[in-house]
Amino acid sequence: MRREKHQRQITHIYKFTTHFRGNLLAAMVNVAKTHWTFCKKCGKDFLYAEGKRRYDRKQSGYGGQTKPTFQKKAKTTKKIMLRLECVEPSYRSKRMLAVKRCKHFELEGDKKRTGQVIQF
C-alpha cells in the first residue's frame, strides 16, 4: 500500500503536568497548528499476539496485578502529546505526535498579546 503525504491539523493537546518548583524562565515551545506528515495505518493492538495471550492468561483469576507497576516517579514535567487529524475529508485519520518535555507550551497563533481583547 502506498503512503501518501497529507496535511494534518492538531485537534487536541494532551499536556500532563505536575506541580514543580524551580526556574520558570525555561524556553517556550511554539508548535505550528498544521504539519505535513505521512498518513499511517492505525496500529491497533492485536489481541491474539503471543505476549497479549500470555499476559491475559497470567492476569486471569484471583491475585490482582501480576506484573510489576512502576511507583517511583521522579520527573517534574510530562511529555506533551499532540493529536493530529488529517485535513482531507476523505481520510480523517488520526494519530498522536509526541513533543519533548517542556514547562511552557503554546500553539502558533495562540500567543498572548498585551492589551488585546480575547474574542470567542
C-alpha atoms as a PDB file:
ATOM      1  CA  MET A   1       0.000   0.000   0.000  1.00  0.00           C
ATOM      2  CA  ARG A   2       1.369   3.400  -0.962  1.00  0.00           C
ATOM      3  CA  ARG A   3       1.715   6.022   1.736  1.00  0.00           C
ATOM      4  CA  GLU A   4       0.648   9.483   0.730  1.00  0.00           C
ATOM      5  CA  LYS A   5       1.618  12.749   2.295  1.00  0.00           C
ATOM      6  CA  HIS A   6      -1.264  14.860   3.598  1.00  0.00           C
ATOM      7  CA  GLN A   7      -1.591  17.877   5.793  1.00  0.00           C
ATOM      8  CA  ARG A   8      -2.748  17.187   9.323  1.00  0.00           C
ATOM      9  CA  GLN A   9      -4.211  19.565  11.841  1.00  0.00           C
ATOM     10  CA  ILE A  10      -3.847  19.452  15.614  1.00  0.00           C
ATOM     11  CA  THR A  11      -7.219  18.681  17.200  1.00  0.00           C
ATOM     12  CA  HIS A  12      -6.312  18.027  20.838  1.00  0.00           C
ATOM     13  CA  ILE A  13      -3.350  18.766  23.072  1.00  0.00           C
ATOM     14  CA  TYR A  14      -2.715  16.399  25.913  1.00  0.00           C
ATOM     15  CA  LYS A  15      -0.486  18.120  28.449  1.00  0.00           C
ATOM     16  CA  PHE A  16       0.040  16.198  31.633  1.00  0.00           C
ATOM     17  CA  THR A  17       1.937  18.371  34.078  1.00  0.00           C
ATOM     18  CA  THR A  18       2.639  18.046  37.736  1.00  0.00           C
ATOM     19  CA  HIS A  19       3.446  20.642  40.350  1.00  0.00           C
ATOM     20  CA  PHE A  20       7.085  21.654  40.293  1.00  0.00           C
ATOM     21  CA  ARG A  21       9.433  24.083  41.944  1.00  0.00           C
ATOM     22  CA  GLY A  22      12.213  25.767  40.076  1.00  0.00           C
ATOM     23  CA  ASN A  23      13.068  28.316  37.464  1.00  0.00           C
ATOM     24  CA  LEU A  24      10.076  29.412  35.384  1.00  0.00           C
ATOM     25  CA  LEU A  25      12.280  31.117  32.795  1.00  0.00           C
ATOM     26  CA  ALA A  26      12.653  27.961  30.743  1.00  0.00           C
ATOM     27  CA  ALA A  27      12.466  28.040  26.957  1.00  0.00           C
ATOM     28  CA  MET A  28       8.990  28.359  25.434  1.00  0.00           C
ATOM     29  CA  VAL A  29       7.950  25.714  22.911  1.00  0.00           C
ATOM     30  CA  ASN A  30       5.929  27.029  19.963  1.00  0.00           C
ATOM     31  CA  VAL A  31       4.324  24.479  17.620  1.00  0.00           C
ATOM     32  CA  ALA A  32       2.561  25.123  14.304  1.00  0.00           C
ATOM     33  CA  LYS A  33      -1.133  24.226  14.062  1.00  0.00           C
ATOM     34  CA  THR A  34      -0.710  22.194  10.867  1.00  0.00           C
ATOM     35  CA  HIS A  35       2.004  19.690   9.988  1.00  0.00           C
ATOM     36  CA  TRP A  36       2.823  17.820   6.805  1.00  0.00           C
ATOM     37  CA  THR A  37       3.119  14.193   7.873  1.00  0.00           C
ATOM     38  CA  PHE A  38       2.518  10.739   6.458  1.00  0.00           C
ATOM     39  CA  CYS A  39      -0.884   9.080   6.813  1.00  0.00           C
ATOM     40  CA  LYS A  40      -0.183   5.778   8.514  1.00  0.00           C
ATOM     41  CA  LYS A  41      -2.462   2.873   9.208  1.00  0.00           C
ATOM     42  CA  CYS A  42      -3.714   2.780  12.763  1.00  0.00           C
ATOM     43  CA  GLY A  43      -1.543   0.403  14.773  1.00  0.00           C
ATOM     44  CA  LYS A  44      -4.242  -1.362  16.723  1.00  0.00           C
ATOM     45  CA  ASP A  45      -3.124  -3.931  19.252  1.00  0.00           C
ATOM     46  CA  PHE A  46      -3.573  -7.481  18.021  1.00  0.00           C
ATOM     47  CA  LEU A  47      -5.496  -9.406  20.685  1.00  0.00           C
ATOM     48  CA  TYR A  48      -4.057 -12.761  19.650  1.00  0.00           C
ATOM     49  CA  ALA A  49      -0.360 -11.906  19.772  1.00  0.00           C
ATOM     50  CA  GLU A  50       1.688 -14.253  21.957  1.00  0.00           C
ATOM     51  CA  GLY A  51       2.569 -11.607  24.524  1.00  0.00           C
ATOM     52  CA  LYS A  52      -1.046 -10.463  24.876  1.00  0.00           C
ATOM     53  CA  ARG A  53      -2.274 -14.052  25.271  1.00  0.00           C
ATOM     54  CA  ARG A  54       0.393 -14.743  27.901  1.00  0.00           C
ATOM     55  CA  TYR A  55      -0.426 -11.554  29.826  1.00  0.00           C
ATOM     56  CA  ASP A  56      -4.185 -12.194  29.762  1.00  0.00           C
ATOM     57  CA  ARG A  57      -3.663 -15.777  30.958  1.00  0.00           C
ATOM     58  CA  LYS A  58      -1.461 -14.589  33.818  1.00  0.00           C
ATOM     59  CA  GLN A  59      -3.878 -11.798  34.816  1.00  0.00           C
ATOM     60  CA  SER A  60      -6.968 -14.008  34.818  1.00  0.00           C
ATOM     61  CA  GLY A  61      -8.338 -15.272  38.096  1.00  0.00           C
ATOM     62  CA  TYR A  62      -7.651 -14.029  41.592  1.00  0.00           C
ATOM     63  CA  GLY A  63      -4.468 -12.386  42.773  1.00  0.00           C
ATOM     64  CA  GLY A  64      -4.605  -8.847  41.390  1.00  0.00           C
ATOM     65  CA  GLN A  65      -1.847  -7.295  39.293  1.00  0.00           C
ATOM     66  CA  THR A  66       0.791  -9.882  38.409  1.00  0.00           C
ATOM     67  CA  LYS A  67       3.286  -7.754  36.502  1.00  0.00           C
ATOM     68  CA  PRO A  68       5.303  -5.052  38.277  1.00  0.00           C
ATOM     69  CA  THR A  69       3.951  -1.494  38.143  1.00  0.00           C
ATOM     70  CA  PHE A  70       6.352   1.444  38.477  1.00  0.00           C
ATOM     71  CA  GLN A  71       5.983   3.508  41.666  1.00  0.00           C
ATOM     72  CA  LYS A  72       8.987   5.866  41.935  1.00  0.00           C
ATOM     73  CA  LYS A  73       8.102   8.938  39.873  1.00  0.00           C
ATOM     74  CA  ALA A  74      10.966  11.414  39.564  1.00  0.00           C
ATOM     75  CA  LYS A  75      10.087  13.765  36.688  1.00  0.00           C
ATOM     76  CA  THR A  76       8.713  17.263  37.239  1.00  0.00           C
ATOM     77  CA  THR A  77       7.290  17.641  33.730  1.00  0.00           C
ATOM     78  CA  LYS A  78       5.453  15.315  31.406  1.00  0.00           C
ATOM     79  CA  LYS A  79       5.740  14.879  27.662  1.00  0.00           C
ATOM     80  CA  ILE A  80       3.206  16.742  25.541  1.00  0.00           C
ATOM     81  CA  MET A  81       1.158  14.683  23.090  1.00  0.00           C
ATOM     82  CA  LEU A  82      -0.452  16.312  20.053  1.00  0.00           C
ATOM     83  CA  ARG A  83      -3.401  14.609  18.414  1.00  0.00           C
ATOM     84  CA  LEU A  84      -3.153  15.081  14.645  1.00  0.00           C
ATOM     85  CA  GLU A  85      -6.143  14.681  12.352  1.00  0.00           C
ATOM     86  CA  CYS A  86      -5.978  14.600   8.556  1.00  0.00           C
ATOM     87  CA  VAL A  87      -7.375  17.765   6.944  1.00  0.00           C
ATOM     88  CA  GLU A  88      -8.762  15.987   3.882  1.00  0.00           C
ATOM     89  CA  PRO A  89     -12.406  14.955   4.470  1.00  0.00           C
ATOM     90  CA  SER A  90     -11.979  11.599   2.715  1.00  0.00           C
ATOM     91  CA  TYR A  91      -9.301  10.360   5.133  1.00  0.00           C
ATOM     92  CA  ARG A  92      -9.892  11.909   8.579  1.00  0.00           C
ATOM     93  CA  SER A  93      -7.361   9.531  10.096  1.00  0.00           C
ATOM     94  CA  LYS A  94      -5.908  10.489  13.466  1.00  0.00           C
ATOM     95  CA  ARG A  95      -2.584   9.847  15.128  1.00  0.00           C
ATOM     96  CA  MET A  96      -0.542  11.124  18.053  1.00  0.00           C
ATOM     97  CA  LEU A  97       2.711  13.072  17.893  1.00  0.00           C
ATOM     98  CA  ALA A  98       4.981  13.404  20.914  1.00  0.00           C
ATOM     99  CA  VAL A  99       6.707  16.685  21.749  1.00  0.00           C
ATOM    100  CA  LYS A 100       9.635  16.573  24.140  1.00  0.00           C
ATOM    101  CA  ARG A 101       9.395  17.686  27.742  1.00  0.00           C
ATOM    102  CA  CYS A 102       8.790  21.366  28.353  1.00  0.00           C
ATOM    103  CA  LYS A 103       7.385  23.610  31.061  1.00  0.00           C
ATOM    104  CA  HIS A 104       5.783  26.185  28.726  1.00  0.00           C
ATOM    105  CA  PHE A 105       3.933  25.258  25.543  1.00  0.00           C
ATOM    106  CA  GLU A 106       1.881  27.256  23.041  1.00  0.00           C
ATOM    107  CA  LEU A 107       0.379  26.705  19.624  1.00  0.00           C
ATOM    108  CA  GLU A 108       1.236  29.009  16.752  1.00  0.00           C
ATOM    109  CA  GLY A 109      -1.453  31.691  16.664  1.00  0.00           C
ATOM    110  CA  ASP A 110      -2.491  31.354  20.311  1.00  0.00           C
ATOM    111  CA  LYS A 111       0.054  33.864  21.572  1.00  0.00           C
ATOM    112  CA  LYS A 112      -0.917  36.297  24.305  1.00  0.00           C
ATOM    113  CA  ARG A 113      -0.585  39.915  23.222  1.00  0.00           C
ATOM    114  CA  THR A 114      -0.635  42.853  25.598  1.00  0.00           C
ATOM    115  CA  GLY A 115      -3.761  44.997  25.500  1.00  0.00           C
ATOM    116  CA  GLN A 116      -5.696  42.670  23.210  1.00  0.00           C
ATOM    117  CA  VAL A 117      -9.314  41.724  23.841  1.00  0.00           C
ATOM    118  CA  ILE A 118      -9.967  37.993  23.779  1.00  0.00           C
ATOM    119  CA  GLN A 119     -12.676  37.094  21.250  1.00  0.00           C
ATOM    120  CA  PHE A 120     -14.721  33.926  21.335  1.00  0.00           C
END
